[in-house]
Amino acid sequence: MKKSVCAASFIILCSFFFGCVAPQRQIPLSNDNAKKLSDKTCEITKSLPPNFYAQTTGKAWLPPMIGIAASYSAGSELVAKNNVEDPSIYVAQEISNILKSKFDLKALTQSEILSESSDIDLLCKTYNKNEFLLDVRTLGWSFGTGAGSNPALSAQYVVSFVISLKVIEVKNKEVLSEAVYIYPNVKPGESFKTFSYDELMDNNAAGIKNELRKGSEQAVQFFKEKALNI
């Protein structure tokens, strides 16, 4: 089912809940920086995603601060109960394979050390045994009533997330490539797919998992073009 939703309104919603859609740098990998990667070693950082935000129609009737807290609590329970995977895990795996095949980057394995933040200096200090880092992390993920609609009256939901990617040179603490992907990725005036609650939650949240995987696959293609310049 399609529902007309203003993309600008959706991005405003992401800004409010995720705090991460302010103007972001986009740095495509230059030819000179791509050459630096050849035959070098790289480590994939490890991070925990933020709490999943699950806003149902019922929670939209609650006072804002109570509704937001209840939505985050419900989201955490949903992810744990249904083993919903952080989309950045799939994206990092696929991007690491691309870096191996296209740029001859070696030893891309995920660290066992959990990063405390995305600060470049701290990342380079935490992961200092390889020459490069691949940092892919989910900045926010959710399902909620479609942006631009009245949340308390809508029974249709949108699955969304925001993922960032950075390729970092450890020695110089330099970001060689960077981009942020927002899913669903629609242009102003376009519409994106919405689902009923049952469509998302039946069979251990299969609908949510399918949307996250669909978005992750799109994120890989986006990062390939915009971040890795392929």
C-alpha atoms as a PDB file:
ATOM      1  CA  MET A   1       0.000   0.000   0.000  1.00  0.00           C
ATOM      2  CA  LYS A   2       1.251   3.462  -0.897  1.00  0.00           C
ATOM      3  CA  LYS A   3       0.582   6.582   1.072  1.00  0.00           C
ATOM      4  CA  SER A   4       1.483  10.092  -0.026  1.00  0.00           C
ATOM      5  CA  VAL A   5       3.882  11.486   2.517  1.00  0.00           C
ATOM      6  CA  CYS A   6       6.019  14.589   2.291  1.00  0.00           C
ATOM      7  CA  ALA A   7       9.697  13.620   2.343  1.00  0.00           C
ATOM      8  CA  ALA A   8      10.600  16.912   3.996  1.00  0.00           C
ATOM      9  CA  SER A   9       8.275  16.116   6.900  1.00  0.00           C
ATOM     10  CA  PHE A  10       9.876  12.693   7.253  1.00  0.00           C
ATOM     11  CA  ILE A  11      13.360  14.210   7.502  1.00  0.00           C
ATOM     12  CA  ILE A  12      12.110  16.630  10.154  1.00  0.00           C
ATOM     13  CA  LEU A  13      10.785  13.613  12.068  1.00  0.00           C
ATOM     14  CA  CYS A  14      14.178  11.918  11.765  1.00  0.00           C
ATOM     15  CA  SER A  15      15.865  15.065  13.016  1.00  0.00           C
ATOM     16  CA  PHE A  16      13.679  15.143  16.104  1.00  0.00           C
ATOM     17  CA  PHE A  17      13.975  11.508  17.093  1.00  0.00           C
ATOM     18  CA  PHE A  18      17.447  10.646  15.791  1.00  0.00           C
ATOM     19  CA  GLY A  19      19.213  13.978  16.289  1.00  0.00           C
ATOM     20  CA  CYS A  20      21.410  13.145  13.329  1.00  0.00           C
ATOM     21  CA  VAL A  21      20.005  14.552  10.125  1.00  0.00           C
ATOM     22  CA  ALA A  22      21.488  17.984  10.415  1.00  0.00           C
ATOM     23  CA  PRO A  23      23.613  18.779   7.345  1.00  0.00           C
ATOM     24  CA  GLN A  24      26.197  16.023   7.047  1.00  0.00           C
ATOM     25  CA  ARG A  25      29.512  15.915   5.238  1.00  0.00           C
ATOM     26  CA  GLN A  26      29.652  13.735   2.180  1.00  0.00           C
ATOM     27  CA  ILE A  27      33.182  12.824   1.163  1.00  0.00           C
ATOM     28  CA  PRO A  28      33.570  10.551  -1.866  1.00  0.00           C
ATOM     29  CA  LEU A  29      36.743   8.470  -1.904  1.00  0.00           C
ATOM     30  CA  SER A  30      39.242  10.220  -4.159  1.00  0.00           C
ATOM     31  CA  ASN A  31      41.519   8.336  -6.548  1.00  0.00           C
ATOM     32  CA  ASP A  32      44.565   9.295  -4.492  1.00  0.00           C
ATOM     33  CA  ASN A  33      42.971   8.039  -1.261  1.00  0.00           C
ATOM     34  CA  ALA A  34      41.776   4.862  -2.974  1.00  0.00           C
ATOM     35  CA  LYS A  35      45.398   4.089  -3.865  1.00  0.00           C
ATOM     36  CA  LYS A  36      46.342   4.341  -0.184  1.00  0.00           C
ATOM     37  CA  LEU A  37      44.108   1.365   0.606  1.00  0.00           C
ATOM     38  CA  SER A  38      45.850  -1.159  -1.606  1.00  0.00           C
ATOM     39  CA  ASP A  39      47.445  -4.029   0.334  1.00  0.00           C
ATOM     40  CA  LYS A  40      46.787  -2.295   3.668  1.00  0.00           C
ATOM     41  CA  THR A  41      44.945  -3.657   6.714  1.00  0.00           C
ATOM     42  CA  CYS A  42      41.602  -2.473   7.995  1.00  0.00           C
ATOM     43  CA  GLU A  43      39.448  -3.138  11.039  1.00  0.00           C
ATOM     44  CA  ILE A  44      35.672  -2.779  11.314  1.00  0.00           C
ATOM     45  CA  THR A  45      34.595  -0.871  14.394  1.00  0.00           C
ATOM     46  CA  LYS A  46      31.926  -2.285  16.674  1.00  0.00           C
ATOM     47  CA  SER A  47      29.066  -0.209  18.062  1.00  0.00           C
ATOM     48  CA  LEU A  48      25.679  -0.721  19.646  1.00  0.00           C
ATOM     49  CA  PRO A  49      22.692   0.834  17.894  1.00  0.00           C
ATOM     50  CA  PRO A  50      20.564   3.374  19.722  1.00  0.00           C
ATOM     51  CA  ASN A  51      17.287   2.197  21.179  1.00  0.00           C
ATOM     52  CA  PHE A  52      14.673   1.287  18.578  1.00  0.00           C
ATOM     53  CA  TYR A  53      11.733   3.719  18.512  1.00  0.00           C
ATOM     54  CA  ALA A  54       8.350   1.979  18.085  1.00  0.00           C
ATOM     55  CA  GLN A  55       5.506   4.481  17.932  1.00  0.00           C
ATOM     56  CA  THR A  56       2.072   2.899  17.687  1.00  0.00           C
ATOM     57  CA  THR A  57      -1.141   4.817  17.183  1.00  0.00           C
ATOM     58  CA  GLY A  58      -2.033   4.267  20.834  1.00  0.00           C
ATOM     59  CA  LYS A  59       1.225   5.781  22.066  1.00  0.00           C
ATOM     60  CA  ALA A  60       0.662   8.809  19.837  1.00  0.00           C
ATOM     61  CA  TRP A  61      -2.321   9.731  22.036  1.00  0.00           C
ATOM     62  CA  LEU A  62      -0.107   9.958  25.122  1.00  0.00           C
ATOM     63  CA  PRO A  63       1.464  13.237  26.284  1.00  0.00           C
ATOM     64  CA  PRO A  64       4.626  13.740  24.181  1.00  0.00           C
ATOM     65  CA  MET A  65       7.306  12.932  26.738  1.00  0.00           C
ATOM     66  CA  ILE A  66       5.388   9.925  28.075  1.00  0.00           C
ATOM     67  CA  GLY A  67       4.687   8.705  24.540  1.00  0.00           C
ATOM     68  CA  ILE A  68       8.319   9.027  23.485  1.00  0.00           C
ATOM     69  CA  ALA A  69       9.562   7.126  26.543  1.00  0.00           C
ATOM     70  CA  ALA A  70       6.929   4.427  26.013  1.00  0.00           C
ATOM     71  CA  SER A  71       7.872   4.124  22.326  1.00  0.00           C
ATOM     72  CA  TYR A  72      11.555   3.625  23.118  1.00  0.00           C
ATOM     73  CA  SER A  73      10.720   1.089  25.819  1.00  0.00           C
ATOM     74  CA  ALA A  74       8.455  -0.839  23.458  1.00  0.00           C
ATOM     75  CA  GLY A  75      11.130  -0.697  20.756  1.00  0.00           C
ATOM     76  CA  SER A  76      13.790  -2.168  23.008  1.00  0.00           C
ATOM     77  CA  GLU A  77      11.458  -5.022  23.947  1.00  0.00           C
ATOM     78  CA  LEU A  78      10.521  -5.591  20.286  1.00  0.00           C
ATOM     79  CA  VAL A  79      14.157  -5.877  19.163  1.00  0.00           C
ATOM     80  CA  ALA A  80      15.125  -8.223  21.998  1.00  0.00           C
ATOM     81  CA  LYS A  81      12.069 -10.450  21.771  1.00  0.00           C
ATOM     82  CA  ASN A  82      12.173 -10.857  17.990  1.00  0.00           C
ATOM     83  CA  ASN A  83      15.957 -10.827  17.417  1.00  0.00           C
ATOM     84  CA  VAL A  84      15.792  -7.831  15.089  1.00  0.00           C
ATOM     85  CA  GLU A  85      19.290  -7.186  13.727  1.00  0.00           C
ATOM     86  CA  ASP A  86      20.918  -3.774  13.586  1.00  0.00           C
ATOM     87  CA  PRO A  87      20.978  -2.912   9.844  1.00  0.00           C
ATOM     88  CA  SER A  88      24.516  -1.557  10.050  1.00  0.00           C
ATOM     89  CA  ILE A  89      25.842  -5.104  10.565  1.00  0.00           C
ATOM     90  CA  TYR A  90      24.767  -6.210   7.087  1.00  0.00           C
ATOM     91  CA  VAL A  91      25.930  -2.929   5.530  1.00  0.00           C
ATOM     92  CA  ALA A  92      29.385  -3.190   7.137  1.00  0.00           C
ATOM     93  CA  GLN A  93      29.809  -6.778   5.940  1.00  0.00           C
ATOM     94  CA  GLU A  94      28.861  -5.924   2.365  1.00  0.00           C
ATOM     95  CA  ILE A  95      31.004  -2.773   2.236  1.00  0.00           C
ATOM     96  CA  SER A  96      33.974  -4.684   3.644  1.00  0.00           C
ATOM     97  CA  ASN A  97      33.613  -7.220   0.813  1.00  0.00           C
ATOM     98  CA  ILE A  98      33.585  -4.376  -1.704  1.00  0.00           C
ATOM     99  CA  LEU A  99      36.702  -2.827  -0.175  1.00  0.00           C
ATOM    100  CA  LYS A 100      38.473  -6.185  -0.438  1.00  0.00           C
ATOM    101  CA  SER A 101      37.528  -6.832  -4.045  1.00  0.00           C
ATOM    102  CA  LYS A 102      37.785  -3.318  -5.473  1.00  0.00           C
ATOM    103  CA  PHE A 103      40.641  -1.798  -3.481  1.00  0.00           C
ATOM    104  CA  ASP A 104      42.635  -4.818  -2.304  1.00  0.00           C
ATOM    105  CA  LEU A 105      42.201  -3.819   1.327  1.00  0.00           C
ATOM    106  CA  LYS A 106      43.308  -6.644   3.630  1.00  0.00           C
ATOM    107  CA  ALA A 107      42.116  -8.228   6.879  1.00  0.00           C
ATOM    108  CA  LEU A 108      38.726  -6.606   7.274  1.00  0.00           C
ATOM    109  CA  THR A 109      37.466  -8.150  10.495  1.00  0.00           C
ATOM    110  CA  GLN A 110      35.134  -6.697  13.086  1.00  0.00           C
ATOM    111  CA  SER A 111      36.746  -5.769  16.351  1.00  0.00           C
ATOM    112  CA  GLU A 112      35.622  -7.306  19.622  1.00  0.00           C
ATOM    113  CA  ILE A 113      36.132  -3.925  21.276  1.00  0.00           C
ATOM    114  CA  LEU A 114      33.017  -1.775  21.568  1.00  0.00           C
ATOM    115  CA  SER A 115      33.486   1.852  20.548  1.00  0.00           C
ATOM    116  CA  GLU A 116      32.156   4.392  23.013  1.00  0.00           C
ATOM    117  CA  SER A 117      31.543   7.106  20.431  1.00  0.00           C
ATOM    118  CA  SER A 118      32.062   8.073  16.803  1.00  0.00           C
ATOM    119  CA  ASP A 119      34.688  10.684  17.668  1.00  0.00           C
ATOM    120  CA  ILE A 120      37.565  10.248  15.208  1.00  0.00           C
ATOM    121  CA  ASP A 121      40.354  10.733  17.755  1.00  0.00           C
ATOM    122  CA  LEU A 122      38.779   8.221  20.114  1.00  0.00           C
ATOM    123  CA  LEU A 123      38.161   5.700  17.331  1.00  0.00           C
ATOM    124  CA  CYS A 124      41.788   5.892  16.212  1.00  0.00           C
ATOM    125  CA  LYS A 125      42.943   5.480  19.791  1.00  0.00           C
ATOM    126  CA  THR A 126      40.620   2.522  20.421  1.00  0.00           C
ATOM    127  CA  TYR A 127      41.397   0.728  17.154  1.00  0.00           C
ATOM    128  CA  ASN A 128      45.094   1.329  16.555  1.00  0.00           C
ATOM    129  CA  LYS A 129      46.386  -2.037  15.330  1.00  0.00           C
ATOM    130  CA  ASN A 130      45.485  -1.536  11.664  1.00  0.00           C
ATOM    131  CA  GLU A 131      46.133   1.175   9.124  1.00  0.00           C
ATOM    132  CA  PHE A 132      42.501   1.916   8.331  1.00  0.00           C
ATOM    133  CA  LEU A 133      39.078   1.718   9.970  1.00  0.00           C
ATOM    134  CA  LEU A 134      35.664   1.073   8.504  1.00  0.00           C
ATOM    135  CA  ASP A 135      33.090   2.664  10.791  1.00  0.00           C
ATOM    136  CA  VAL A 136      29.467   1.868   9.913  1.00  0.00           C
ATOM    137  CA  ARG A 137      26.868   2.634  12.540  1.00  0.00           C
ATOM    138  CA  THR A 138      23.121   3.040  12.893  1.00  0.00           C
ATOM    139  CA  LEU A 139      22.330   6.535  14.132  1.00  0.00           C
ATOM    140  CA  GLY A 140      18.618   5.867  14.568  1.00  0.00           C
ATOM    141  CA  TRP A 141      15.976   3.285  13.635  1.00  0.00           C
ATOM    142  CA  SER A 142      12.259   3.098  14.136  1.00  0.00           C
ATOM    143  CA  PHE A 143       8.795   2.370  12.968  1.00  0.00           C
ATOM    144  CA  GLY A 144       6.068   4.947  13.370  1.00  0.00           C
ATOM    145  CA  THR A 145       3.051   6.484  11.738  1.00  0.00           C
ATOM    146  CA  GLY A 146       3.787   8.219   8.450  1.00  0.00           C
ATOM    147  CA  ALA A 147       5.287  11.683   8.688  1.00  0.00           C
ATOM    148  CA  GLY A 148       2.859  14.359   7.534  1.00  0.00           C
ATOM    149  CA  SER A 149      -0.125  12.429   8.939  1.00  0.00           C
ATOM    150  CA  ASN A 150      -1.749  12.758  12.318  1.00  0.00           C
ATOM    151  CA  PRO A 151      -0.007   9.992  14.312  1.00  0.00           C
ATOM    152  CA  ALA A 152      -3.015   9.563  16.589  1.00  0.00           C
ATOM    153  CA  LEU A 153      -5.332   8.887  13.640  1.00  0.00           C
ATOM    154  CA  SER A 154      -3.122   6.829  11.346  1.00  0.00           C
ATOM    155  CA  ALA A 155      -3.017   3.041  11.419  1.00  0.00           C
ATOM    156  CA  GLN A 156      -0.268   2.806   8.791  1.00  0.00           C
ATOM    157  CA  TYR A 157       3.400   2.651   9.683  1.00  0.00           C
ATOM    158  CA  VAL A 158       6.776   3.409   8.101  1.00  0.00           C
ATOM    159  CA  VAL A 159      10.024   1.582   8.949  1.00  0.00           C
ATOM    160  CA  SER A 160      12.991   3.944   8.888  1.00  0.00           C
ATOM    161  CA  PHE A 161      16.649   4.209   9.811  1.00  0.00           C
ATOM    162  CA  VAL A 162      19.713   6.404   9.416  1.00  0.00           C
ATOM    163  CA  ILE A 163      23.192   4.876   8.880  1.00  0.00           C
ATOM    164  CA  SER A 164      26.568   6.581   8.649  1.00  0.00           C
ATOM    165  CA  LEU A 165      29.751   5.288   7.008  1.00  0.00           C
ATOM    166  CA  LYS A 166      33.339   6.458   7.377  1.00  0.00           C
ATOM    167  CA  VAL A 167      36.637   5.127   6.067  1.00  0.00           C
ATOM    168  CA  ILE A 168      39.361   6.444   8.371  1.00  0.00           C
ATOM    169  CA  GLU A 169      43.148   6.515   8.093  1.00  0.00           C
ATOM    170  CA  VAL A 170      44.347   5.761  11.622  1.00  0.00           C
ATOM    171  CA  LYS A 171      47.832   7.294  11.541  1.00  0.00           C
ATOM    172  CA  ASN A 172      46.670  10.710  10.357  1.00  0.00           C
ATOM    173  CA  LYS A 173      43.220  10.506  12.000  1.00  0.00           C
ATOM    174  CA  GLU A 174      41.792  11.471   8.642  1.00  0.00           C
ATOM    175  CA  VAL A 175      38.378  10.636   7.210  1.00  0.00           C
ATOM    176  CA  LEU A 176      38.973   9.509   3.620  1.00  0.00           C
ATOM    177  CA  SER A 177      35.344   8.790   2.818  1.00  0.00           C
ATOM    178  CA  GLU A 178      32.054   9.622   4.517  1.00  0.00           C
ATOM    179  CA  ALA A 179      28.329   9.540   3.825  1.00  0.00           C
ATOM    180  CA  VAL A 180      24.980   9.209   5.599  1.00  0.00           C
ATOM    181  CA  TYR A 181      22.021   7.235   4.264  1.00  0.00           C
ATOM    182  CA  ILE A 182      18.385   7.786   5.272  1.00  0.00           C
ATOM    183  CA  TYR A 183      15.788   5.066   4.641  1.00  0.00           C
ATOM    184  CA  PRO A 184      13.233   5.289   3.133  1.00  0.00           C
ATOM    185  CA  ASN A 185      14.999   7.381   0.525  1.00  0.00           C
ATOM    186  CA  VAL A 186      12.353   9.371  -1.359  1.00  0.00           C
ATOM    187  CA  LYS A 187      12.346  12.672  -3.182  1.00  0.00           C
ATOM    188  CA  PRO A 188      10.041  15.553  -2.187  1.00  0.00           C
ATOM    189  CA  GLY A 189       6.534  14.866  -3.410  1.00  0.00           C
ATOM    190  CA  GLU A 190       7.095  11.115  -3.765  1.00  0.00           C
ATOM    191  CA  SER A 191       5.369   8.512  -1.653  1.00  0.00           C
ATOM    192  CA  PHE A 192       6.776   5.538   0.205  1.00  0.00           C
ATOM    193  CA  LYS A 193       5.381   2.268   1.384  1.00  0.00           C
ATOM    194  CA  THR A 194       3.439   1.975   4.617  1.00  0.00           C
ATOM    195  CA  PHE A 195       2.276  -1.120   6.500  1.00  0.00           C
ATOM    196  CA  SER A 196      -0.335  -2.129   9.007  1.00  0.00           C
ATOM    197  CA  TYR A 197       0.824  -3.086  12.482  1.00  0.00           C
ATOM    198  CA  ASP A 198       0.099  -6.765  11.804  1.00  0.00           C
ATOM    199  CA  GLU A 199       2.054  -6.692   8.535  1.00  0.00           C
ATOM    200  CA  LEU A 200       5.095  -5.507  10.452  1.00  0.00           C
ATOM    201  CA  MET A 201       4.765  -7.598  13.592  1.00  0.00           C
ATOM    202  CA  ASP A 202       3.436 -10.995  12.470  1.00  0.00           C
ATOM    203  CA  ASN A 203       5.871 -13.942  12.429  1.00  0.00           C
ATOM    204  CA  ASN A 204       8.355 -12.426  14.885  1.00  0.00           C
ATOM    205  CA  ALA A 205       8.360  -8.984  13.270  1.00  0.00           C
ATOM    206  CA  ALA A 206       9.091 -10.390   9.806  1.00  0.00           C
ATOM    207  CA  GLY A 207       7.776  -7.224   8.147  1.00  0.00           C
ATOM    208  CA  ILE A 208      10.176  -5.019  10.094  1.00  0.00           C
ATOM    209  CA  LYS A 209      13.086  -7.358   9.343  1.00  0.00           C
ATOM    210  CA  ASN A 210      12.237  -7.380   5.632  1.00  0.00           C
ATOM    211  CA  GLU A 211      12.113  -3.594   5.474  1.00  0.00           C
ATOM    212  CA  LEU A 212      15.395  -3.244   7.349  1.00  0.00           C
ATOM    213  CA  ARG A 213      17.081  -5.677   4.958  1.00  0.00           C
ATOM    214  CA  LYS A 214      15.599  -3.920   1.923  1.00  0.00           C
ATOM    215  CA  GLY A 215      16.861  -0.600   3.242  1.00  0.00           C
ATOM    216  CA  SER A 216      20.262  -2.089   4.073  1.00  0.00           C
ATOM    217  CA  GLU A 217      20.666  -3.315   0.505  1.00  0.00           C
ATOM    218  CA  GLN A 218      19.805   0.152  -0.773  1.00  0.00           C
ATOM    219  CA  ALA A 219      22.277   1.660   1.696  1.00  0.00           C
ATOM    220  CA  VAL A 220      25.068  -0.541   0.317  1.00  0.00           C
ATOM    221  CA  GLN A 221      24.394   0.705  -3.205  1.00  0.00           C
ATOM    222  CA  PHE A 222      24.240   4.308  -1.986  1.00  0.00           C
ATOM    223  CA  PHE A 223      27.562   4.039  -0.137  1.00  0.00           C
ATOM    224  CA  LYS A 224      29.125   2.310  -3.108  1.00  0.00           C
ATOM    225  CA  GLU A 225      28.339   5.286  -5.302  1.00  0.00           C
ATOM    226  CA  LYS A 226      28.486   8.249  -2.908  1.00  0.00           C
ATOM    227  CA  ALA A 227      31.175   7.171  -0.447  1.00  0.00           C
ATOM    228  CA  LEU A 228      33.397   4.744  -2.382  1.00  0.00           C
ATOM    229  CA  ASN A 229      32.949   6.471  -5.727  1.00  0.00           C
ATOM    230  CA  ILE A 230      32.382   3.225  -7.620  1.00  0.00           C
END
